[in-house]
Structures are given as C-alpha cells and as structure tokens.
Amino acid sequence: ARLAETHQARKNNPHKAERIQKYS
C-alpha cells in the first residue's frame, strides 16, 4: 500500500509535467 501511494504521488507530480512542457 505504501509503495502504491508513493508511486501515485510520483506519477501525479505536477513539476514533472511543467519540466516536460518547458524543456521538451
């Protein structure tokens, strides 16, 4: 359950989407 929680938090990280949009 803790692994699933951390995995979802990582997938839903808004900073990652911002980096992709800015640097891709």
mmCIF file of all heavy atoms, coordinates in Angstrom:
data_MODEL
# 
_entry.id   MODEL 
# 
loop_
_atom_site.group_PDB 
_atom_site.id 
_atom_site.type_symbol 
_atom_site.label_atom_id 
_atom_site.label_alt_id 
_atom_site.label_comp_id 
_atom_site.label_asym_id 
_atom_site.label_entity_id 
_atom_site.label_seq_id 
_atom_site.pdbx_PDB_ins_code 
_atom_site.Cartn_x 
_atom_site.Cartn_y 
_atom_site.Cartn_z 
_atom_site.occupancy 
_atom_site.B_iso_or_equiv 
_atom_site.pdbx_formal_charge 
_atom_site.auth_seq_id 
_atom_site.auth_comp_id 
_atom_site.auth_asym_id 
_atom_site.auth_atom_id 
_atom_site.pdbx_PDB_model_num 
ATOM 1   N N   . ALA A 1 1  ? 0.832  -1.201 0.000   1.00 0.00 ? 1  ALA A N   1 
ATOM 2   C CA  . ALA A 1 1  ? 0.000  0.000  0.000   1.00 0.00 ? 1  ALA A CA  1 
ATOM 3   C C   . ALA A 1 1  ? 0.870  1.255  0.000   1.00 0.00 ? 1  ALA A C   1 
ATOM 4   O O   . ALA A 1 1  ? 0.583  2.225  -0.720  1.00 0.00 ? 1  ALA A O   1 
ATOM 5   C CB  . ALA A 1 1  ? -0.935 -0.007 1.200   1.00 0.00 ? 1  ALA A CB  1 
ATOM 6   N N   . ARG A 1 2  ? 1.929  1.251  0.777   1.00 0.00 ? 2  ARG A N   1 
ATOM 7   C CA  . ARG A 1 2  ? 2.830  2.418  0.818   1.00 0.00 ? 2  ARG A CA  1 
ATOM 8   C C   . ARG A 1 2  ? 3.543  2.598  -0.520  1.00 0.00 ? 2  ARG A C   1 
ATOM 9   O O   . ARG A 1 2  ? 3.717  3.718  -0.997  1.00 0.00 ? 2  ARG A O   1 
ATOM 10  C CB  . ARG A 1 2  ? 3.838  2.252  1.960   1.00 0.00 ? 2  ARG A CB  1 
ATOM 11  C CG  . ARG A 1 2  ? 4.822  3.376  2.078   1.00 0.00 ? 2  ARG A CG  1 
ATOM 12  C CD  . ARG A 1 2  ? 4.169  4.682  2.465   1.00 0.00 ? 2  ARG A CD  1 
ATOM 13  N NE  . ARG A 1 2  ? 5.179  5.736  2.483   1.00 0.00 ? 2  ARG A NE  1 
ATOM 14  C CZ  . ARG A 1 2  ? 4.999  6.964  2.039   1.00 0.00 ? 2  ARG A CZ  1 
ATOM 15  N NH1 . ARG A 1 2  ? 3.836  7.337  1.587   1.00 0.00 ? 2  ARG A NH1 1 
ATOM 16  N NH2 . ARG A 1 2  ? 5.972  7.836  2.073   1.00 0.00 ? 2  ARG A NH2 1 
ATOM 17  N N   . LEU A 1 3  ? 3.952  1.481  -1.145  1.00 0.00 ? 3  LEU A N   1 
ATOM 18  C CA  . LEU A 1 3  ? 4.578  1.572  -2.466  1.00 0.00 ? 3  LEU A CA  1 
ATOM 19  C C   . LEU A 1 3  ? 3.610  2.156  -3.488  1.00 0.00 ? 3  LEU A C   1 
ATOM 20  O O   . LEU A 1 3  ? 3.985  3.007  -4.301  1.00 0.00 ? 3  LEU A O   1 
ATOM 21  C CB  . LEU A 1 3  ? 5.042  0.192  -2.930  1.00 0.00 ? 3  LEU A CB  1 
ATOM 22  C CG  . LEU A 1 3  ? 6.395  -0.264 -2.443  1.00 0.00 ? 3  LEU A CG  1 
ATOM 23  C CD1 . LEU A 1 3  ? 6.648  -1.695 -2.881  1.00 0.00 ? 3  LEU A CD1 1 
ATOM 24  C CD2 . LEU A 1 3  ? 7.493  0.637  -2.949  1.00 0.00 ? 3  LEU A CD2 1 
ATOM 25  N N   . ALA A 1 4  ? 2.370  1.708  -3.453  1.00 0.00 ? 4  ALA A N   1 
ATOM 26  C CA  . ALA A 1 4  ? 1.372  2.226  -4.388  1.00 0.00 ? 4  ALA A CA  1 
ATOM 27  C C   . ALA A 1 4  ? 1.137  3.714  -4.148  1.00 0.00 ? 4  ALA A C   1 
ATOM 28  O O   . ALA A 1 4  ? 0.998  4.494  -5.098  1.00 0.00 ? 4  ALA A O   1 
ATOM 29  C CB  . ALA A 1 4  ? 0.067  1.453  -4.242  1.00 0.00 ? 4  ALA A CB  1 
ATOM 30  N N   . GLU A 1 5  ? 1.132  4.113  -2.882  1.00 0.00 ? 5  GLU A N   1 
ATOM 31  C CA  . GLU A 1 5  ? 0.943  5.525  -2.531  1.00 0.00 ? 5  GLU A CA  1 
ATOM 32  C C   . GLU A 1 5  ? 2.083  6.385  -3.070  1.00 0.00 ? 5  GLU A C   1 
ATOM 33  O O   . GLU A 1 5  ? 1.851  7.444  -3.664  1.00 0.00 ? 5  GLU A O   1 
ATOM 34  C CB  . GLU A 1 5  ? 0.855  5.645  -1.009  1.00 0.00 ? 5  GLU A CB  1 
ATOM 35  C CG  . GLU A 1 5  ? 0.647  7.021  -0.474  1.00 0.00 ? 5  GLU A CG  1 
ATOM 36  C CD  . GLU A 1 5  ? 0.630  7.007  1.045   1.00 0.00 ? 5  GLU A CD  1 
ATOM 37  O OE1 . GLU A 1 5  ? -0.032 6.148  1.629   1.00 0.00 ? 5  GLU A OE1 1 
ATOM 38  O OE2 . GLU A 1 5  ? 1.305  7.882  1.639   1.00 0.00 ? 5  GLU A OE2 1 
ATOM 39  N N   . THR A 1 6  ? 3.301  5.942  -2.879  1.00 0.00 ? 6  THR A N   1 
ATOM 40  C CA  . THR A 1 6  ? 4.446  6.719  -3.370  1.00 0.00 ? 6  THR A CA  1 
ATOM 41  C C   . THR A 1 6  ? 4.495  6.730  -4.893  1.00 0.00 ? 6  THR A C   1 
ATOM 42  O O   . THR A 1 6  ? 4.872  7.730  -5.496  1.00 0.00 ? 6  THR A O   1 
ATOM 43  C CB  . THR A 1 6  ? 5.772  6.180  -2.817  1.00 0.00 ? 6  THR A CB  1 
ATOM 44  O OG1 . THR A 1 6  ? 5.909  4.805  -3.171  1.00 0.00 ? 6  THR A OG1 1 
ATOM 45  C CG2 . THR A 1 6  ? 5.838  6.322  -1.309  1.00 0.00 ? 6  THR A CG2 1 
ATOM 46  N N   . HIS A 1 7  ? 4.096  5.631  -5.513  1.00 0.00 ? 7  HIS A N   1 
ATOM 47  C CA  . HIS A 1 7  ? 4.082  5.553  -6.973  1.00 0.00 ? 7  HIS A CA  1 
ATOM 48  C C   . HIS A 1 7  ? 3.067  6.539  -7.549  1.00 0.00 ? 7  HIS A C   1 
ATOM 49  O O   . HIS A 1 7  ? 3.364  7.252  -8.514  1.00 0.00 ? 7  HIS A O   1 
ATOM 50  C CB  . HIS A 1 7  ? 3.771  4.131  -7.413  1.00 0.00 ? 7  HIS A CB  1 
ATOM 51  C CG  . HIS A 1 7  ? 3.823  3.916  -8.880  1.00 0.00 ? 7  HIS A CG  1 
ATOM 52  N ND1 . HIS A 1 7  ? 4.986  4.016  -9.607  1.00 0.00 ? 7  HIS A ND1 1 
ATOM 53  C CD2 . HIS A 1 7  ? 2.862  3.628  -9.777  1.00 0.00 ? 7  HIS A CD2 1 
ATOM 54  C CE1 . HIS A 1 7  ? 4.740  3.777  -10.877 1.00 0.00 ? 7  HIS A CE1 1 
ATOM 55  N NE2 . HIS A 1 7  ? 3.446  3.550  -11.012 1.00 0.00 ? 7  HIS A NE2 1 
ATOM 56  N N   . GLN A 1 8  ? 1.882  6.603  -6.961  1.00 0.00 ? 8  GLN A N   1 
ATOM 57  C CA  . GLN A 1 8  ? 0.863  7.545  -7.424  1.00 0.00 ? 8  GLN A CA  1 
ATOM 58  C C   . GLN A 1 8  ? 1.311  8.986  -7.214  1.00 0.00 ? 8  GLN A C   1 
ATOM 59  O O   . GLN A 1 8  ? 1.069  9.849  -8.059  1.00 0.00 ? 8  GLN A O   1 
ATOM 60  C CB  . GLN A 1 8  ? -0.466 7.299  -6.711  1.00 0.00 ? 8  GLN A CB  1 
ATOM 61  C CG  . GLN A 1 8  ? -1.203 6.080  -7.204  1.00 0.00 ? 8  GLN A CG  1 
ATOM 62  C CD  . GLN A 1 8  ? -1.538 6.175  -8.685  1.00 0.00 ? 8  GLN A CD  1 
ATOM 63  O OE1 . GLN A 1 8  ? -1.873 7.229  -9.198  1.00 0.00 ? 8  GLN A OE1 1 
ATOM 64  N NE2 . GLN A 1 8  ? -1.426 5.047  -9.372  1.00 0.00 ? 8  GLN A NE2 1 
ATOM 65  N N   . ALA A 1 9  ? 1.950  9.251  -6.093  1.00 0.00 ? 9  ALA A N   1 
ATOM 66  C CA  . ALA A 1 9  ? 2.438  10.606 -5.827  1.00 0.00 ? 9  ALA A CA  1 
ATOM 67  C C   . ALA A 1 9  ? 3.478  11.018 -6.860  1.00 0.00 ? 9  ALA A C   1 
ATOM 68  O O   . ALA A 1 9  ? 3.503  12.168 -7.315  1.00 0.00 ? 9  ALA A O   1 
ATOM 69  C CB  . ALA A 1 9  ? 3.026  10.685 -4.424  1.00 0.00 ? 9  ALA A CB  1 
ATOM 70  N N   . ARG A 1 10 ? 4.326  10.083 -7.245  1.00 0.00 ? 10 ARG A N   1 
ATOM 71  C CA  . ARG A 1 10 ? 5.350  10.385 -8.242  1.00 0.00 ? 10 ARG A CA  1 
ATOM 72  C C   . ARG A 1 10 ? 4.727  10.598 -9.617  1.00 0.00 ? 10 ARG A C   1 
ATOM 73  O O   . ARG A 1 10 ? 5.105  11.502 -10.350 1.00 0.00 ? 10 ARG A O   1 
ATOM 74  C CB  . ARG A 1 10 ? 6.372  9.262  -8.303  1.00 0.00 ? 10 ARG A CB  1 
ATOM 75  C CG  . ARG A 1 10 ? 7.568  9.608  -9.166  1.00 0.00 ? 10 ARG A CG  1 
ATOM 76  C CD  . ARG A 1 10 ? 8.565  8.507  -9.225  1.00 0.00 ? 10 ARG A CD  1 
ATOM 77  N NE  . ARG A 1 10 ? 8.076  7.537  -10.193 1.00 0.00 ? 10 ARG A NE  1 
ATOM 78  C CZ  . ARG A 1 10 ? 8.434  6.280  -10.229 1.00 0.00 ? 10 ARG A CZ  1 
ATOM 79  N NH1 . ARG A 1 10 ? 9.259  5.800  -9.349  1.00 0.00 ? 10 ARG A NH1 1 
ATOM 80  N NH2 . ARG A 1 10 ? 7.959  5.471  -11.144 1.00 0.00 ? 10 ARG A NH2 1 
ATOM 81  N N   . LYS A 1 11 ? 3.741  9.780  -9.966  1.00 0.00 ? 11 LYS A N   1 
ATOM 82  C CA  . LYS A 1 11 ? 3.098  9.912  -11.268 1.00 0.00 ? 11 LYS A CA  1 
ATOM 83  C C   . LYS A 1 11 ? 2.298  11.198 -11.382 1.00 0.00 ? 11 LYS A C   1 
ATOM 84  O O   . LYS A 1 11 ? 2.192  11.779 -12.460 1.00 0.00 ? 11 LYS A O   1 
ATOM 85  C CB  . LYS A 1 11 ? 2.176  8.716  -11.525 1.00 0.00 ? 11 LYS A CB  1 
ATOM 86  C CG  . LYS A 1 11 ? 2.915  7.454  -11.899 1.00 0.00 ? 11 LYS A CG  1 
ATOM 87  C CD  . LYS A 1 11 ? 1.974  6.321  -12.135 1.00 0.00 ? 11 LYS A CD  1 
ATOM 88  C CE  . LYS A 1 11 ? 1.106  6.602  -13.350 1.00 0.00 ? 11 LYS A CE  1 
ATOM 89  N NZ  . LYS A 1 11 ? 0.232  5.484  -13.694 1.00 0.00 ? 11 LYS A NZ  1 
ATOM 90  N N   . ASN A 1 12 ? 1.723  11.649 -10.286 1.00 0.00 ? 12 ASN A N   1 
ATOM 91  C CA  . ASN A 1 12 ? 0.882  12.836 -10.298 1.00 0.00 ? 12 ASN A CA  1 
ATOM 92  C C   . ASN A 1 12 ? 1.654  14.102 -9.940  1.00 0.00 ? 12 ASN A C   1 
ATOM 93  O O   . ASN A 1 12 ? 1.041  15.121 -9.629  1.00 0.00 ? 12 ASN A O   1 
ATOM 94  C CB  . ASN A 1 12 ? -0.292 12.654 -9.329  1.00 0.00 ? 12 ASN A CB  1 
ATOM 95  C CG  . ASN A 1 12 ? -1.184 11.518 -9.762  1.00 0.00 ? 12 ASN A CG  1 
ATOM 96  O OD1 . ASN A 1 12 ? -1.301 11.225 -10.934 1.00 0.00 ? 12 ASN A OD1 1 
ATOM 97  N ND2 . ASN A 1 12 ? -1.814 10.865 -8.809  1.00 0.00 ? 12 ASN A ND2 1 
ATOM 98  N N   . ASN A 1 13 ? 2.964  14.053 -10.000 1.00 0.00 ? 13 ASN A N   1 
ATOM 99  C CA  . ASN A 1 13 ? 3.801  15.194 -9.659  1.00 0.00 ? 13 ASN A CA  1 
ATOM 100 C C   . ASN A 1 13 ? 3.641  16.289 -10.721 1.00 0.00 ? 13 ASN A C   1 
ATOM 101 O O   . ASN A 1 13 ? 4.015  16.099 -11.870 1.00 0.00 ? 13 ASN A O   1 
ATOM 102 C CB  . ASN A 1 13 ? 5.261  14.759 -9.563  1.00 0.00 ? 13 ASN A CB  1 
ATOM 103 C CG  . ASN A 1 13 ? 6.155  15.861 -9.077  1.00 0.00 ? 13 ASN A CG  1 
ATOM 104 O OD1 . ASN A 1 13 ? 5.703  16.950 -8.754  1.00 0.00 ? 13 ASN A OD1 1 
ATOM 105 N ND2 . ASN A 1 13 ? 7.436  15.574 -9.020  1.00 0.00 ? 13 ASN A ND2 1 
ATOM 106 N N   . PRO A 1 14 ? 3.089  17.456 -10.374 1.00 0.00 ? 14 PRO A N   1 
ATOM 107 C CA  . PRO A 1 14 ? 2.885  18.498 -11.383 1.00 0.00 ? 14 PRO A CA  1 
ATOM 108 C C   . PRO A 1 14 ? 4.183  19.102 -11.905 1.00 0.00 ? 14 PRO A C   1 
ATOM 109 O O   . PRO A 1 14 ? 4.224  19.601 -13.024 1.00 0.00 ? 14 PRO A O   1 
ATOM 110 C CB  . PRO A 1 14 ? 2.065  19.552 -10.638 1.00 0.00 ? 14 PRO A CB  1 
ATOM 111 C CG  . PRO A 1 14 ? 2.384  19.342 -9.202  1.00 0.00 ? 14 PRO A CG  1 
ATOM 112 C CD  . PRO A 1 14 ? 2.639  17.859 -9.063  1.00 0.00 ? 14 PRO A CD  1 
ATOM 113 N N   . HIS A 1 15 ? 5.251  19.029 -11.130 1.00 0.00 ? 15 HIS A N   1 
ATOM 114 C CA  . HIS A 1 15 ? 6.531  19.595 -11.563 1.00 0.00 ? 15 HIS A CA  1 
ATOM 115 C C   . HIS A 1 15 ? 7.093  18.846 -12.763 1.00 0.00 ? 15 HIS A C   1 
ATOM 116 O O   . HIS A 1 15 ? 7.742  19.433 -13.619 1.00 0.00 ? 15 HIS A O   1 
ATOM 117 C CB  . HIS A 1 15 ? 7.543  19.585 -10.420 1.00 0.00 ? 15 HIS A CB  1 
ATOM 118 C CG  . HIS A 1 15 ? 7.085  20.391 -9.249  1.00 0.00 ? 15 HIS A CG  1 
ATOM 119 N ND1 . HIS A 1 15 ? 6.944  21.754 -9.295  1.00 0.00 ? 15 HIS A ND1 1 
ATOM 120 C CD2 . HIS A 1 15 ? 6.708  20.017 -8.006  1.00 0.00 ? 15 HIS A CD2 1 
ATOM 121 C CE1 . HIS A 1 15 ? 6.516  22.196 -8.136  1.00 0.00 ? 15 HIS A CE1 1 
ATOM 122 N NE2 . HIS A 1 15 ? 6.360  21.165 -7.332  1.00 0.00 ? 15 HIS A NE2 1 
ATOM 123 N N   . LYS A 1 16 ? 6.829  17.559 -12.828 1.00 0.00 ? 16 LYS A N   1 
ATOM 124 C CA  . LYS A 1 16 ? 7.322  16.774 -13.944 1.00 0.00 ? 16 LYS A CA  1 
ATOM 125 C C   . LYS A 1 16 ? 6.669  17.243 -15.243 1.00 0.00 ? 16 LYS A C   1 
ATOM 126 O O   . LYS A 1 16 ? 7.341  17.416 -16.253 1.00 0.00 ? 16 LYS A O   1 
ATOM 127 C CB  . LYS A 1 16 ? 7.028  15.289 -13.712 1.00 0.00 ? 16 LYS A CB  1 
ATOM 128 C CG  . LYS A 1 16 ? 7.563  14.382 -14.780 1.00 0.00 ? 16 LYS A CG  1 
ATOM 129 C CD  . LYS A 1 16 ? 7.307  12.937 -14.445 1.00 0.00 ? 16 LYS A CD  1 
ATOM 130 C CE  . LYS A 1 16 ? 7.841  12.017 -15.507 1.00 0.00 ? 16 LYS A CE  1 
ATOM 131 N NZ  . LYS A 1 16 ? 7.599  10.618 -15.196 1.00 0.00 ? 16 LYS A NZ  1 
ATOM 132 N N   . ALA A 1 17 ? 5.368  17.481 -15.221 1.00 0.00 ? 17 ALA A N   1 
ATOM 133 C CA  . ALA A 1 17 ? 4.666  17.945 -16.414 1.00 0.00 ? 17 ALA A CA  1 
ATOM 134 C C   . ALA A 1 17 ? 5.177  19.327 -16.836 1.00 0.00 ? 17 ALA A C   1 
ATOM 135 O O   . ALA A 1 17 ? 5.320  19.599 -18.034 1.00 0.00 ? 17 ALA A O   1 
ATOM 136 C CB  . ALA A 1 17 ? 3.168  17.991 -16.146 1.00 0.00 ? 17 ALA A CB  1 
ATOM 137 N N   . GLU A 1 18 ? 5.461  20.175 -15.862 1.00 0.00 ? 18 GLU A N   1 
ATOM 138 C CA  . GLU A 1 18 ? 5.986  21.504 -16.180 1.00 0.00 ? 18 GLU A CA  1 
ATOM 139 C C   . GLU A 1 18 ? 7.361  21.410 -16.826 1.00 0.00 ? 18 GLU A C   1 
ATOM 140 O O   . GLU A 1 18 ? 7.651  22.125 -17.790 1.00 0.00 ? 18 GLU A O   1 
ATOM 141 C CB  . GLU A 1 18 ? 6.068  22.350 -14.911 1.00 0.00 ? 18 GLU A CB  1 
ATOM 142 C CG  . GLU A 1 18 ? 4.725  22.749 -14.354 1.00 0.00 ? 18 GLU A CG  1 
ATOM 143 C CD  . GLU A 1 18 ? 4.831  23.419 -13.000 1.00 0.00 ? 18 GLU A CD  1 
ATOM 144 O OE1 . GLU A 1 18 ? 5.967  23.708 -12.558 1.00 0.00 ? 18 GLU A OE1 1 
ATOM 145 O OE2 . GLU A 1 18 ? 3.787  23.655 -12.388 1.00 0.00 ? 18 GLU A OE2 1 
ATOM 146 N N   . ARG A 1 19 ? 8.216  20.532 -16.311 1.00 0.00 ? 19 ARG A N   1 
ATOM 147 C CA  . ARG A 1 19 ? 9.554  20.363 -16.894 1.00 0.00 ? 19 ARG A CA  1 
ATOM 148 C C   . ARG A 1 19 ? 9.469  19.841 -18.319 1.00 0.00 ? 19 ARG A C   1 
ATOM 149 O O   . ARG A 1 19 ? 10.194 20.298 -19.207 1.00 0.00 ? 19 ARG A O   1 
ATOM 150 C CB  . ARG A 1 19 ? 10.384 19.415 -16.041 1.00 0.00 ? 19 ARG A CB  1 
ATOM 151 C CG  . ARG A 1 19 ? 10.933 20.017 -14.784 1.00 0.00 ? 19 ARG A CG  1 
ATOM 152 C CD  . ARG A 1 19 ? 11.997 19.142 -14.175 1.00 0.00 ? 19 ARG A CD  1 
ATOM 153 N NE  . ARG A 1 19 ? 11.639 17.740 -14.091 1.00 0.00 ? 19 ARG A NE  1 
ATOM 154 C CZ  . ARG A 1 19 ? 11.172 17.129 -13.003 1.00 0.00 ? 19 ARG A CZ  1 
ATOM 155 N NH1 . ARG A 1 19 ? 11.011 17.791 -11.896 1.00 0.00 ? 19 ARG A NH1 1 
ATOM 156 N NH2 . ARG A 1 19 ? 10.889 15.846 -13.015 1.00 0.00 ? 19 ARG A NH2 1 
ATOM 157 N N   . ILE A 1 20 ? 8.581  18.887 -18.549 1.00 0.00 ? 20 ILE A N   1 
ATOM 158 C CA  . ILE A 1 20 ? 8.437  18.328 -19.891 1.00 0.00 ? 20 ILE A CA  1 
ATOM 159 C C   . ILE A 1 20 ? 7.950  19.403 -20.851 1.00 0.00 ? 20 ILE A C   1 
ATOM 160 O O   . ILE A 1 20 ? 8.458  19.538 -21.958 1.00 0.00 ? 20 ILE A O   1 
ATOM 161 C CB  . ILE A 1 20 ? 7.477  17.120 -19.870 1.00 0.00 ? 20 ILE A CB  1 
ATOM 162 C CG1 . ILE A 1 20 ? 8.135  15.945 -19.152 1.00 0.00 ? 20 ILE A CG1 1 
ATOM 163 C CG2 . ILE A 1 20 ? 7.081  16.711 -21.283 1.00 0.00 ? 20 ILE A CG2 1 
ATOM 164 C CD1 . ILE A 1 20 ? 7.217  14.789 -18.892 1.00 0.00 ? 20 ILE A CD1 1 
ATOM 165 N N   . GLN A 1 21 ? 6.973  20.182 -20.420 1.00 0.00 ? 21 GLN A N   1 
ATOM 166 C CA  . GLN A 1 21 ? 6.434  21.231 -21.273 1.00 0.00 ? 21 GLN A CA  1 
ATOM 167 C C   . GLN A 1 21 ? 7.497  22.296 -21.575 1.00 0.00 ? 21 GLN A C   1 
ATOM 168 O O   . GLN A 1 21 ? 7.588  22.799 -22.690 1.00 0.00 ? 21 GLN A O   1 
ATOM 169 C CB  . GLN A 1 21 ? 5.230  21.883 -20.604 1.00 0.00 ? 21 GLN A CB  1 
ATOM 170 C CG  . GLN A 1 21 ? 4.529  22.908 -21.465 1.00 0.00 ? 21 GLN A CG  1 
ATOM 171 C CD  . GLN A 1 21 ? 3.315  23.484 -20.756 1.00 0.00 ? 21 GLN A CD  1 
ATOM 172 O OE1 . GLN A 1 21 ? 3.193  23.379 -19.544 1.00 0.00 ? 21 GLN A OE1 1 
ATOM 173 N NE2 . GLN A 1 21 ? 2.431  24.087 -21.518 1.00 0.00 ? 21 GLN A NE2 1 
ATOM 174 N N   . LYS A 1 22 ? 8.311  22.614 -20.597 1.00 0.00 ? 22 LYS A N   1 
ATOM 175 C CA  . LYS A 1 22 ? 9.310  23.660 -20.765 1.00 0.00 ? 22 LYS A CA  1 
ATOM 176 C C   . LYS A 1 22 ? 10.515 23.201 -21.575 1.00 0.00 ? 22 LYS A C   1 
ATOM 177 O O   . LYS A 1 22 ? 11.005 23.903 -22.451 1.00 0.00 ? 22 LYS A O   1 
ATOM 178 C CB  . LYS A 1 22 ? 9.776  24.143 -19.394 1.00 0.00 ? 22 LYS A CB  1 
ATOM 179 C CG  . LYS A 1 22 ? 10.785 25.269 -19.460 1.00 0.00 ? 22 LYS A CG  1 
ATOM 180 C CD  . LYS A 1 22 ? 11.164 25.746 -18.078 1.00 0.00 ? 22 LYS A CD  1 
ATOM 181 C CE  . LYS A 1 22 ? 12.176 26.861 -18.132 1.00 0.00 ? 22 LYS A CE  1 
ATOM 182 N NZ  . LYS A 1 22 ? 12.559 27.311 -16.788 1.00 0.00 ? 22 LYS A NZ  1 
ATOM 183 N N   . TYR A 1 23 ? 11.020 21.996 -21.304 1.00 0.00 ? 23 TYR A N   1 
ATOM 184 C CA  . TYR A 1 23 ? 12.292 21.564 -21.882 1.00 0.00 ? 23 TYR A CA  1 
ATOM 185 C C   . TYR A 1 23 ? 12.189 20.583 -23.044 1.00 0.00 ? 23 TYR A C   1 
ATOM 186 O O   . TYR A 1 23 ? 13.174 20.349 -23.732 1.00 0.00 ? 23 TYR A O   1 
ATOM 187 C CB  . TYR A 1 23 ? 13.178 20.939 -20.801 1.00 0.00 ? 23 TYR A CB  1 
ATOM 188 C CG  . TYR A 1 23 ? 13.581 21.934 -19.745 1.00 0.00 ? 23 TYR A CG  1 
ATOM 189 C CD1 . TYR A 1 23 ? 13.139 21.801 -18.434 1.00 0.00 ? 23 TYR A CD1 1 
ATOM 190 C CD2 . TYR A 1 23 ? 14.408 23.000 -20.056 1.00 0.00 ? 23 TYR A CD2 1 
ATOM 191 C CE1 . TYR A 1 23 ? 13.509 22.712 -17.459 1.00 0.00 ? 23 TYR A CE1 1 
ATOM 192 C CE2 . TYR A 1 23 ? 14.779 23.911 -19.086 1.00 0.00 ? 23 TYR A CE2 1 
ATOM 193 C CZ  . TYR A 1 23 ? 14.328 23.762 -17.791 1.00 0.00 ? 23 TYR A CZ  1 
ATOM 194 O OH  . TYR A 1 23 ? 14.690 24.660 -16.842 1.00 0.00 ? 23 TYR A OH  1 
ATOM 195 N N   . SER A 1 24 ? 11.045 19.995 -23.296 1.00 0.00 ? 24 SER A N   1 
ATOM 196 C CA  . SER A 1 24 ? 10.980 19.009 -24.375 1.00 0.00 ? 24 SER A CA  1 
ATOM 197 C C   . SER A 1 24 ? 11.213 19.620 -25.748 1.00 0.00 ? 24 SER A C   1 
ATOM 198 O O   . SER A 1 24 ? 11.830 18.989 -26.595 1.00 0.00 ? 24 SER A O   1 
ATOM 199 C CB  . SER A 1 24 ? 9.664  18.245 -24.337 1.00 0.00 ? 24 SER A CB  1 
ATOM 200 O OG  . SER A 1 24 ? 8.581  19.101 -24.587 1.00 0.00 ? 24 SER A OG  1 
# 
